[in-house]
Amino acid sequence: MGVTLLISRGYSPIKNRYEGEFYGLFLFMAFALILVAAADNLLMIFLSIEFVSLLSYLLVGFLKKDPRSKEAAVKYLLFGSVCSGVMLYGMSLLYGATGSLELPVIGNALLGVPFKPLAIAALLFFFTGLGFKISMAPFHMWAPDVYEGAPTPVTAFLTVAPKAMGFAVLTRVLATVFGQFHAIWSPILVILSILTMTIGNITAVSQTNIKRFLAYSSIAQAGYILMGLAVFSILGRGAVLIYLLAYLLTNLGAFTVVTIVGEETRSDSLDAYAGLSQRSPVTAAFFTAFLLSLAGIPPLAGFIGKYYVFAAAIEGKFIMLAIVAAVNSVIAVYYYFRIIRLMYLTPASDPATGTAFSSPSGSLTAALWVMFLGVLALGIFPGFFITRILG
């Protein structure tokens, strides 16, 4: 949240215009995310998730004079409303079957055999609602359009906070309510994980807009995180937390660079990154580090995240899942290095955008360094973070 506000301070469409309202919405968002983290009741889970969703719709459409921002907000609202309604119906099935809204009570009640078909139906509805929040295929269609149209700081926030929220709630629900059905939902998650990472990686290859590029990258990253949930061992659940931390640090750093380049070139096209190493060597170096981390190259945070999800899959004997993830990782390396090649080996196509960058604002510089040091620290000293995450 703090890093997103730092990015916002250097984003000119928001700067000096409605700043109070923008930061006020983010404060409400922080409160909503705290509610989600504390919720252990179906009603509170739904209300807090919808609180986050409503604020997200407002933030996406915050630039009310920008047609792309308004279009993104409408698409986000329509997709989100449908998926939330489906999830709420699943919750109603659980309440009707067990007579309780408390997750532990529902979990104990579902131990009875008569509730098994109903529980599986409710679980599929949960996958629909929370799958939308984490941009899991086939509920990912909204992400590229919304990420492209939203203000860049909001896009950066949407790629990490709602995703982390969705995984946290999904993990809690699976562990508390549907744990006894692991043999049923684990193969479903394996299929969804493969589908999500494959669609994200293959589609990212052809993108020409940096925000859509990172949107499909975000979808692929959700597929890797789902590997840990599919295994759902102690190592698997720990791998989800470690990967989320690595992803948060890396993606916020990447969008900080996107904000800097967008401020200088007024473009989100990949062509704006041609020759970036000559125009702003420091910015290009930071972006290279973040892209390498997303690709899972050591000694950066992304490597640690991938190492743990692969280790969890192999330990749980999900060999085919690990093989498919490895193939997808190779595809990801190709398109991440495509951007690096563009920055270092391709000259700027437009002389007007080939001039040297001015120094970014202090807030953007601070965000860059905080994220870069976090990515480097997690990659070099993983034990320090892992012992605190896994207890």
Protein backbone atom coordinates (compact mmCIF):
# COMPACT_ATOMS: atom_id res chain seq x y z
CA MET A 1 0.00 0.00 0.00
CA GLY A 2 2.77 2.44 0.96
CA VAL A 3 4.74 1.73 -2.22
CA THR A 4 1.61 2.27 -4.34
CA LEU A 5 1.16 5.69 -2.74
CA LEU A 6 4.81 6.50 -3.51
CA ILE A 7 4.20 5.60 -7.15
CA SER A 8 1.05 7.74 -7.15
CA ARG A 9 3.01 10.77 -5.96
CA GLY A 10 5.00 10.70 -9.19
CA TYR A 11 2.05 10.04 -11.52
CA SER A 12 1.08 13.33 -13.19
CA PRO A 13 -2.59 12.59 -14.10
CA ILE A 14 -3.33 12.29 -10.38
CA LYS A 15 -0.75 14.72 -9.03
CA ASN A 16 -2.34 17.99 -7.88
CA ARG A 17 -5.77 16.76 -9.03
CA TYR A 18 -8.16 15.05 -6.65
CA GLU A 19 -5.22 13.79 -4.58
CA GLY A 20 -7.21 13.89 -1.36
CA GLU A 21 -9.98 11.72 -2.78
CA PHE A 22 -7.48 9.30 -4.33
CA TYR A 23 -5.51 8.79 -1.11
CA GLY A 24 -8.73 8.62 0.87
CA LEU A 25 -9.92 5.69 -1.26
CA PHE A 26 -6.60 3.95 -0.64
CA LEU A 27 -7.00 4.38 3.12
CA PHE A 28 -10.42 2.76 2.89
CA MET A 29 -8.80 0.02 0.80
CA ALA A 30 -6.27 -0.65 3.56
CA PHE A 31 -9.14 -1.00 6.05
CA ALA A 32 -10.99 -3.35 3.68
CA LEU A 33 -7.95 -5.58 3.24
CA ILE A 34 -7.56 -5.79 7.03
CA LEU A 35 -11.19 -6.93 7.25
CA VAL A 36 -10.55 -9.65 4.69
CA ALA A 37 -7.49 -10.85 6.59
CA ALA A 38 -9.47 -11.11 9.84
CA ALA A 39 -12.69 -12.61 8.41
CA ASP A 40 -13.56 -16.15 9.54
CA ASN A 41 -17.23 -15.99 8.67
CA LEU A 42 -18.89 -16.38 5.27
CA LEU A 43 -20.87 -13.17 5.56
CA MET A 44 -17.84 -11.13 6.65
CA ILE A 45 -15.72 -12.69 3.92
CA PHE A 46 -18.26 -11.69 1.27
CA LEU A 47 -18.81 -8.17 2.62
CA SER A 48 -15.09 -7.44 2.99
CA ILE A 49 -14.29 -8.82 -0.48
CA GLU A 50 -17.05 -6.70 -1.98
CA PHE A 51 -15.75 -3.68 -0.05
CA VAL A 52 -12.39 -4.22 -1.73
CA SER A 53 -14.09 -4.75 -5.11
CA LEU A 54 -16.18 -1.57 -4.93
CA LEU A 55 -13.13 0.49 -4.06
CA SER A 56 -11.24 -1.18 -6.90
CA TYR A 57 -13.97 -0.22 -9.39
CA LEU A 58 -13.76 3.41 -8.22
CA LEU A 59 -9.98 3.51 -8.44
CA VAL A 60 -9.92 1.95 -11.93
CA GLY A 61 -12.33 4.61 -13.20
CA PHE A 62 -10.75 7.43 -11.20
CA LEU A 63 -9.62 9.34 -14.32
CA LYS A 64 -13.21 10.11 -15.29
CA LYS A 65 -12.23 12.13 -18.38
CA ASP A 66 -10.15 9.27 -19.78
CA PRO A 67 -12.33 6.99 -21.99
CA ARG A 68 -10.04 4.00 -21.42
CA SER A 69 -10.32 4.38 -17.66
CA LYS A 70 -14.12 4.55 -17.79
CA GLU A 71 -14.31 1.54 -20.10
CA ALA A 72 -12.00 -0.46 -17.84
CA ALA A 73 -14.12 0.37 -14.78
CA VAL A 74 -17.35 -0.74 -16.49
CA LYS A 75 -15.80 -4.03 -17.67
CA TYR A 76 -14.35 -4.66 -14.21
CA LEU A 77 -17.72 -3.94 -12.59
CA LEU A 78 -19.67 -6.25 -14.92
CA PHE A 79 -17.28 -9.18 -14.65
CA GLY A 80 -16.84 -8.70 -10.90
CA SER A 81 -20.57 -8.51 -10.19
CA VAL A 82 -21.30 -11.75 -12.02
CA CYS A 83 -18.48 -13.65 -10.30
CA SER A 84 -19.43 -12.25 -6.89
CA GLY A 85 -23.01 -13.36 -7.42
CA VAL A 86 -21.88 -16.89 -8.28
CA MET A 87 -19.67 -17.01 -5.17
CA LEU A 88 -22.52 -15.74 -2.99
CA TYR A 89 -24.75 -18.51 -4.31
CA GLY A 90 -22.10 -21.04 -3.27
CA MET A 91 -22.04 -19.49 0.19
CA SER A 92 -25.83 -19.75 0.39
CA LEU A 93 -25.61 -23.47 -0.40
CA LEU A 94 -23.18 -23.98 2.46
CA TYR A 95 -25.37 -21.99 4.84
CA GLY A 96 -28.48 -23.89 3.78
CA ALA A 97 -26.76 -27.24 4.29
CA THR A 98 -25.09 -26.55 7.63
CA GLY A 99 -27.12 -23.71 9.18
CA SER A 100 -23.97 -21.76 10.06
CA LEU A 101 -21.81 -18.99 8.62
CA GLU A 102 -18.71 -19.84 10.69
CA LEU A 103 -16.01 -21.61 8.67
CA PRO A 104 -14.96 -24.14 11.37
CA VAL A 105 -18.58 -25.11 12.07
CA ILE A 106 -19.27 -25.58 8.35
CA GLY A 107 -16.14 -27.70 7.99
CA ASN A 108 -17.22 -30.00 10.82
CA ALA A 109 -20.75 -30.27 9.46
CA LEU A 110 -19.51 -31.23 5.98
CA LEU A 111 -17.81 -34.30 7.40
CA GLY A 112 -21.20 -35.97 6.94
CA VAL A 113 -21.51 -37.95 3.69
CA PRO A 114 -24.96 -36.56 2.67
CA PHE A 115 -23.47 -33.11 2.08
CA LYS A 116 -20.73 -34.22 -0.32
CA PRO A 117 -22.39 -33.31 -3.69
CA LEU A 118 -23.59 -29.99 -2.30
CA ALA A 119 -20.13 -29.20 -0.92
CA ILE A 120 -18.49 -29.89 -4.27
CA ALA A 121 -20.97 -27.58 -6.05
CA ALA A 122 -20.31 -24.84 -3.48
CA LEU A 123 -16.57 -25.32 -3.92
CA LEU A 124 -16.84 -24.81 -7.69
CA PHE A 125 -18.76 -21.58 -7.08
CA PHE A 126 -16.00 -20.46 -4.72
CA PHE A 127 -13.44 -21.15 -7.44
CA THR A 128 -15.44 -18.91 -9.76
CA GLY A 129 -15.65 -15.94 -7.38
CA LEU A 130 -12.12 -16.10 -6.00
CA GLY A 131 -10.70 -17.16 -9.38
CA PHE A 132 -11.82 -13.78 -10.71
CA LYS A 133 -9.96 -11.98 -7.93
CA ILE A 134 -6.69 -13.81 -8.63
CA SER A 135 -7.13 -13.59 -12.45
CA MET A 136 -7.22 -17.37 -12.77
CA ALA A 137 -8.19 -18.83 -16.15
CA PRO A 138 -10.87 -19.05 -17.41
CA PHE A 139 -11.93 -16.03 -15.31
CA HIS A 140 -9.02 -13.86 -16.42
CA MET A 141 -10.56 -12.05 -19.41
CA TRP A 142 -11.05 -8.79 -17.54
CA ALA A 143 -7.42 -8.35 -16.47
CA PRO A 144 -5.68 -7.09 -19.67
CA ASP A 145 -8.35 -4.47 -20.47
CA VAL A 146 -8.66 -3.29 -16.88
CA TYR A 147 -4.91 -3.13 -16.29
CA GLU A 148 -4.42 -1.19 -19.54
CA GLY A 149 -7.16 1.36 -18.86
CA ALA A 150 -6.61 1.96 -15.15
CA PRO A 151 -4.18 4.62 -13.85
CA THR A 152 -0.74 3.00 -13.64
CA PRO A 153 -0.46 3.17 -9.80
CA VAL A 154 -3.89 1.53 -9.56
CA THR A 155 -2.81 -1.17 -12.02
CA ALA A 156 0.26 -1.83 -9.88
CA PHE A 157 -1.96 -2.19 -6.82
CA LEU A 158 -4.49 -4.45 -8.57
CA THR A 159 -1.81 -6.87 -9.69
CA VAL A 160 -0.74 -7.60 -6.11
CA ALA A 161 -3.27 -6.72 -3.38
CA PRO A 162 -6.51 -8.33 -4.67
CA LYS A 163 -4.48 -11.31 -5.87
CA ALA A 164 -2.91 -11.80 -2.43
CA MET A 165 -6.36 -11.33 -0.85
CA GLY A 166 -7.90 -13.94 -3.14
CA PHE A 167 -5.20 -16.51 -2.41
CA ALA A 168 -5.45 -15.85 1.33
CA VAL A 169 -9.22 -16.39 1.37
CA LEU A 170 -9.01 -19.41 -0.92
CA THR A 171 -6.35 -21.01 1.26
CA ARG A 172 -8.39 -20.40 4.41
CA VAL A 173 -11.60 -21.78 2.89
CA LEU A 174 -9.90 -24.87 1.46
CA ALA A 175 -8.12 -25.63 4.73
CA THR A 176 -11.06 -24.99 7.06
CA VAL A 177 -14.11 -26.03 5.06
CA PHE A 178 -13.07 -28.31 2.20
CA GLY A 179 -9.97 -29.98 3.58
CA GLN A 180 -11.60 -33.43 3.62
CA PHE A 181 -12.34 -33.12 -0.12
CA HIS A 182 -8.68 -32.60 -1.08
CA ALA A 183 -8.70 -35.64 -3.38
CA ILE A 184 -11.52 -34.03 -5.39
CA TRP A 185 -10.44 -30.40 -5.68
CA SER A 186 -6.69 -30.96 -5.98
CA PRO A 187 -6.91 -32.35 -9.58
CA ILE A 188 -9.20 -29.43 -10.46
CA LEU A 189 -6.59 -26.96 -9.21
CA VAL A 190 -3.87 -28.79 -11.15
CA ILE A 191 -5.86 -28.33 -14.37
CA LEU A 192 -6.61 -24.68 -13.56
CA SER A 193 -2.95 -24.05 -12.71
CA ILE A 194 -1.79 -25.49 -16.04
CA LEU A 195 -4.48 -23.61 -17.95
CA THR A 196 -3.72 -20.31 -16.21
CA MET A 197 0.06 -20.33 -16.64
CA THR A 198 -0.16 -21.57 -20.25
CA ILE A 199 -2.71 -18.98 -21.38
CA GLY A 200 -0.83 -16.20 -19.59
CA ASN A 201 2.58 -17.07 -20.99
CA ILE A 202 1.53 -17.83 -24.57
CA THR A 203 -0.60 -14.69 -24.87
CA ALA A 204 2.08 -12.45 -23.34
CA VAL A 205 4.44 -13.24 -26.23
CA SER A 206 2.39 -11.24 -28.76
CA GLN A 207 1.62 -8.16 -26.65
CA THR A 208 2.71 -4.68 -27.78
CA ASN A 209 1.46 -2.71 -24.77
CA ILE A 210 3.55 -2.91 -21.58
CA LYS A 211 0.54 -2.91 -19.24
CA ARG A 212 -1.20 -5.69 -21.17
CA PHE A 213 2.14 -7.51 -21.28
CA LEU A 214 2.43 -7.37 -17.49
CA ALA A 215 -1.25 -8.29 -17.17
CA TYR A 216 -0.71 -11.58 -18.97
CA SER A 217 2.51 -12.06 -17.00
CA SER A 218 0.42 -11.60 -13.83
CA ILE A 219 -2.03 -14.25 -15.04
CA ALA A 220 0.87 -16.66 -15.61
CA GLN A 221 2.27 -15.92 -12.15
CA ALA A 222 -1.12 -16.82 -10.66
CA GLY A 223 -0.78 -20.19 -12.37
CA TYR A 224 2.54 -20.84 -10.63
CA ILE A 225 1.08 -19.86 -7.25
CA LEU A 226 -1.81 -22.28 -7.82
CA MET A 227 0.77 -25.08 -7.89
CA GLY A 228 1.28 -24.66 -4.15
CA LEU A 229 -2.47 -24.69 -3.50
CA ALA A 230 -2.95 -27.80 -5.63
CA VAL A 231 -0.40 -29.71 -3.54
CA PHE A 232 -1.69 -28.14 -0.30
CA SER A 233 0.98 -29.74 1.86
CA ILE A 234 2.75 -27.72 4.56
CA LEU A 235 5.45 -26.93 2.02
CA GLY A 236 2.83 -26.10 -0.61
CA ARG A 237 1.02 -23.56 1.59
CA GLY A 238 4.35 -22.05 2.59
CA ALA A 239 5.35 -21.84 -1.07
CA VAL A 240 2.21 -19.80 -1.78
CA LEU A 241 3.20 -17.21 0.84
CA ILE A 242 6.83 -17.06 -0.32
CA TYR A 243 5.83 -16.70 -3.97
CA LEU A 244 3.32 -13.97 -3.14
CA LEU A 245 6.01 -11.97 -1.32
CA ALA A 246 8.46 -12.35 -4.21
CA TYR A 247 5.76 -11.46 -6.71
CA LEU A 248 4.65 -8.40 -4.72
CA LEU A 249 8.17 -6.96 -4.55
CA THR A 250 8.91 -7.66 -8.20
CA ASN A 251 5.65 -6.51 -9.76
CA LEU A 252 5.46 -3.26 -7.81
CA GLY A 253 9.03 -2.54 -8.89
CA ALA A 254 8.19 -3.27 -12.53
CA PHE A 255 5.19 -0.93 -12.46
CA THR A 256 7.31 1.78 -10.88
CA VAL A 257 9.49 1.62 -14.00
CA VAL A 258 6.36 1.64 -16.20
CA THR A 259 5.26 4.82 -14.43
CA ILE A 260 8.65 6.48 -14.99
CA VAL A 261 8.77 5.58 -18.68
CA GLY A 262 5.12 6.57 -19.16
CA GLU A 263 5.75 9.96 -17.57
CA GLU A 264 8.65 10.61 -19.95
CA THR A 265 7.25 9.20 -23.21
CA ARG A 266 3.47 9.51 -22.63
CA SER A 267 3.19 6.03 -24.07
CA ASP A 268 2.58 2.51 -22.80
CA SER A 269 3.77 0.92 -26.04
CA LEU A 270 6.68 -1.51 -25.91
CA ASP A 271 8.37 0.70 -28.53
CA ALA A 272 8.83 3.31 -25.81
CA TYR A 273 11.34 0.95 -24.17
CA ALA A 274 13.58 0.74 -27.25
CA GLY A 275 17.00 2.15 -26.42
CA LEU A 276 16.06 2.72 -22.77
CA SER A 277 19.57 1.74 -21.66
CA GLN A 278 20.93 4.82 -23.46
CA ARG A 279 18.24 7.25 -22.38
CA SER A 280 18.13 6.13 -18.73
CA PRO A 281 20.70 3.45 -17.85
CA VAL A 282 19.64 3.23 -14.20
CA THR A 283 15.96 2.76 -15.06
CA ALA A 284 16.85 0.08 -17.62
CA ALA A 285 19.03 -1.72 -15.06
CA PHE A 286 16.21 -1.72 -12.48
CA PHE A 287 13.69 -2.98 -15.04
CA THR A 288 16.10 -5.71 -16.12
CA ALA A 289 16.39 -6.90 -12.52
CA PHE A 290 12.61 -6.99 -12.09
CA LEU A 291 12.08 -8.85 -15.38
CA LEU A 292 14.76 -11.39 -14.47
CA SER A 293 13.06 -11.90 -11.12
CA LEU A 294 9.70 -12.51 -12.83
CA ALA A 295 11.48 -15.03 -15.06
CA GLY A 296 12.85 -16.83 -11.97
CA ILE A 297 16.54 -16.13 -12.56
CA PRO A 298 18.81 -16.38 -9.48
CA PRO A 299 19.84 -14.68 -7.25
CA LEU A 300 16.58 -12.70 -7.25
CA ALA A 301 13.32 -13.11 -5.34
CA GLY A 302 11.43 -14.73 -8.22
CA PHE A 303 13.86 -17.65 -8.23
CA ILE A 304 13.12 -18.38 -4.56
CA GLY A 305 9.38 -18.30 -5.19
CA LYS A 306 9.64 -20.67 -8.16
CA TYR A 307 12.04 -22.95 -6.29
CA TYR A 308 9.53 -23.49 -3.49
CA VAL A 309 6.47 -24.10 -5.69
CA PHE A 310 8.47 -26.57 -7.79
CA ALA A 311 9.79 -28.23 -4.64
CA ALA A 312 6.23 -28.55 -3.29
CA ALA A 313 5.01 -30.08 -6.56
CA ILE A 314 7.86 -32.59 -6.70
CA GLU A 315 7.51 -33.48 -3.01
CA GLY A 316 3.78 -34.14 -3.57
CA LYS A 317 4.59 -36.24 -6.67
CA PHE A 318 2.83 -33.81 -9.00
CA ILE A 319 5.49 -34.51 -11.63
CA MET A 320 3.41 -33.66 -14.70
CA LEU A 321 2.47 -30.31 -13.15
CA ALA A 322 6.14 -29.55 -12.50
CA ILE A 323 7.08 -30.48 -16.11
CA VAL A 324 4.37 -28.24 -17.59
CA ALA A 325 5.43 -25.39 -15.27
CA ALA A 326 9.06 -25.85 -16.37
CA VAL A 327 8.06 -25.60 -20.06
CA ASN A 328 6.02 -22.48 -19.28
CA SER A 329 8.99 -20.98 -17.44
CA VAL A 330 11.07 -21.36 -20.61
CA ILE A 331 8.38 -19.51 -22.60
CA ALA A 332 8.37 -16.79 -19.95
CA VAL A 333 12.13 -16.37 -20.15
CA TYR A 334 11.76 -15.75 -23.89
CA TYR A 335 9.28 -12.89 -23.62
CA TYR A 336 10.96 -11.27 -20.61
CA PHE A 337 14.27 -11.26 -22.46
CA ARG A 338 12.44 -9.77 -25.42
CA ILE A 339 11.96 -6.60 -23.36
CA ILE A 340 15.57 -6.67 -22.18
CA ARG A 341 16.75 -7.00 -25.78
CA LEU A 342 14.52 -4.06 -26.71
CA MET A 343 16.09 -1.89 -23.99
CA TYR A 344 19.71 -2.73 -24.72
CA LEU A 345 19.98 -3.77 -28.39
CA THR A 346 17.25 -1.83 -30.21
CA PRO A 347 17.63 1.91 -30.86
CA ALA A 348 14.69 4.22 -30.25
CA SER A 349 12.49 4.29 -33.36
CA ASP A 350 11.23 7.83 -32.74
CA PRO A 351 13.93 10.53 -32.36
CA ALA A 352 11.53 12.53 -30.22
CA THR A 353 11.52 9.76 -27.63
CA GLY A 354 15.22 9.07 -27.96
CA THR A 355 16.33 11.88 -25.69
CA ALA A 356 17.72 11.28 -22.23
CA PHE A 357 15.23 10.99 -19.37
CA SER A 358 14.98 13.62 -16.69
CA SER A 359 15.48 12.49 -13.11
CA PRO A 360 12.36 10.77 -11.72
CA SER A 361 10.62 12.24 -8.70
CA GLY A 362 11.89 11.42 -5.23
CA SER A 363 8.88 9.22 -4.49
CA LEU A 364 9.40 7.10 -7.62
CA THR A 365 13.11 6.80 -6.89
CA ALA A 366 12.35 5.69 -3.33
CA ALA A 367 9.84 3.10 -4.57
CA LEU A 368 12.38 1.76 -7.07
CA TRP A 369 15.09 1.32 -4.49
CA VAL A 370 12.80 -0.21 -1.86
CA MET A 371 11.49 -2.81 -4.30
CA PHE A 372 14.91 -3.54 -5.80
CA LEU A 373 16.53 -4.02 -2.40
CA GLY A 374 13.61 -6.25 -1.37
CA VAL A 375 13.96 -8.40 -4.51
CA LEU A 376 17.71 -8.66 -3.97
CA ALA A 377 17.44 -9.37 -0.23
CA LEU A 378 14.86 -12.15 -0.66
CA GLY A 379 16.98 -13.71 -3.38
CA ILE A 380 20.30 -13.56 -1.50
CA PHE A 381 19.10 -14.05 2.09
CA PRO A 382 15.97 -16.19 1.68
CA GLY A 383 16.35 -17.88 5.05
CA PHE A 384 15.73 -14.61 6.90
CA PHE A 385 12.33 -14.19 5.23
CA ILE A 386 11.35 -17.85 5.04
CA THR A 387 11.78 -18.50 8.78
CA ARG A 388 9.47 -15.57 9.48
CA ILE A 389 6.89 -16.55 6.86
CA LEU A 390 6.77 -20.24 7.73
CA GLY A 391 7.28 -19.74 11.45
